[in-house]
């Protein structure tokens, strides 16, 4: 009786263990700041695009320069981490 129960539940336990192990391999992605899409960045041309064009393509800047309001900064960082490994930036 006990051996039939073990034979019946062993495959289920192995499947459950496999699913949990695969779930641990899913990366955790954390985005900080503003990640600029390269395709949208290509829409902006220095000297010809207006401020409105830049805001439309990239969104509002992360920071505007203190000394020159014409200088805009876009900061962004994307970090990916798999389970207990060191994060990838």
Protein backbone atom coordinates (compact mmCIF):
# COMPACT_ATOMS: atom_id res chain seq x y z
CA UNK A 1 0.00 0.00 0.00
CA UNK A 2 2.73 2.45 0.97
CA UNK A 3 4.83 1.67 -2.09
CA UNK A 4 1.90 2.35 -4.42
CA UNK A 5 1.39 5.74 -2.76
CA UNK A 6 5.08 6.55 -3.14
CA UNK A 7 5.02 5.48 -6.79
CA UNK A 8 1.94 7.60 -7.39
CA UNK A 9 3.20 10.78 -5.72
CA UNK A 10 6.88 10.66 -6.75
CA UNK A 11 6.23 11.90 -10.32
CA UNK A 12 3.96 14.64 -8.99
CA UNK A 13 6.62 15.73 -6.51
CA UNK A 14 9.27 15.78 -9.25
CA UNK A 15 7.02 17.86 -11.51
CA UNK A 16 6.30 20.31 -8.68
CA UNK A 17 10.02 20.56 -7.85
CA UNK A 18 10.85 21.19 -11.51
CA UNK A 19 8.24 23.94 -11.80
CA UNK A 20 9.49 25.66 -8.65
CA UNK A 21 13.08 25.43 -9.90
CA UNK A 22 12.14 26.96 -13.26
CA UNK A 23 10.27 29.76 -11.51
CA UNK A 24 13.44 30.64 -9.61
CA UNK A 25 15.23 31.13 -12.95
CA UNK A 26 12.92 33.98 -13.95
CA UNK A 27 14.83 37.28 -13.81
CA UNK A 28 13.76 40.23 -11.72
CA UNK A 29 14.01 43.41 -13.81
CA UNK A 30 14.16 46.81 -12.10
CA UNK A 31 14.06 50.00 -14.16
CA UNK A 32 15.24 53.22 -12.56
CA UNK A 33 14.90 56.62 -14.17
CA UNK A 34 13.93 56.95 -17.81
CA UNK A 35 15.04 54.28 -20.24
CA UNK A 36 15.27 55.93 -23.68
CA UNK A 37 14.31 53.75 -26.64
CA UNK A 38 17.03 53.93 -29.35
CA UNK A 39 14.38 54.17 -32.09
CA UNK A 40 12.82 57.21 -30.43
CA UNK A 41 16.26 58.71 -29.86
CA UNK A 42 16.87 58.47 -33.62
CA UNK A 43 13.82 60.71 -34.16
CA UNK A 44 15.61 63.58 -32.38
CA UNK A 45 18.15 65.55 -34.39
CA UNK A 46 20.50 68.02 -32.71
CA UNK A 47 19.96 71.55 -33.97
CA UNK A 48 16.76 70.82 -35.90
CA UNK A 49 14.36 69.26 -33.36
CA UNK A 50 12.41 71.65 -31.16
CA UNK A 51 11.88 71.19 -27.43
CA UNK A 52 8.35 69.96 -28.14
CA UNK A 53 9.71 67.38 -30.59
CA UNK A 54 12.13 66.10 -27.96
CA UNK A 55 9.45 65.89 -25.26
CA UNK A 56 7.10 64.13 -27.69
CA UNK A 57 9.76 61.56 -28.64
CA UNK A 58 11.56 61.00 -25.34
CA UNK A 59 9.23 62.34 -22.67
CA UNK A 60 10.08 64.99 -20.13
CA UNK A 61 13.73 65.05 -19.02
CA UNK A 62 14.93 63.47 -15.81
CA UNK A 63 16.76 66.67 -14.93
CA UNK A 64 17.24 70.15 -16.40
CA UNK A 65 20.64 71.80 -15.98
CA UNK A 66 20.87 74.34 -13.19
CA UNK A 67 23.04 76.74 -15.17
CA UNK A 68 21.50 76.39 -18.64
CA UNK A 69 17.81 75.52 -19.11
CA UNK A 70 18.54 74.40 -22.67
CA UNK A 71 20.54 71.41 -21.36
CA UNK A 72 18.38 68.39 -20.53
CA UNK A 73 19.51 65.11 -18.96
CA UNK A 74 17.89 61.71 -19.35
CA UNK A 75 19.15 59.22 -16.75
CA UNK A 76 18.13 55.60 -16.76
CA UNK A 77 19.29 52.21 -15.61
CA UNK A 78 17.87 48.74 -16.07
CA UNK A 79 19.00 45.99 -13.71
CA UNK A 80 18.31 42.29 -14.24
CA UNK A 81 18.93 39.72 -11.50
CA UNK A 82 18.54 35.94 -11.62
CA UNK A 83 17.74 34.43 -8.20
CA UNK A 84 20.79 34.90 -5.96
CA UNK A 85 23.34 35.92 -8.62
CA UNK A 86 24.94 39.37 -8.89
CA UNK A 87 22.66 41.83 -10.73
CA UNK A 88 23.42 42.72 -14.37
CA UNK A 89 23.22 46.40 -15.26
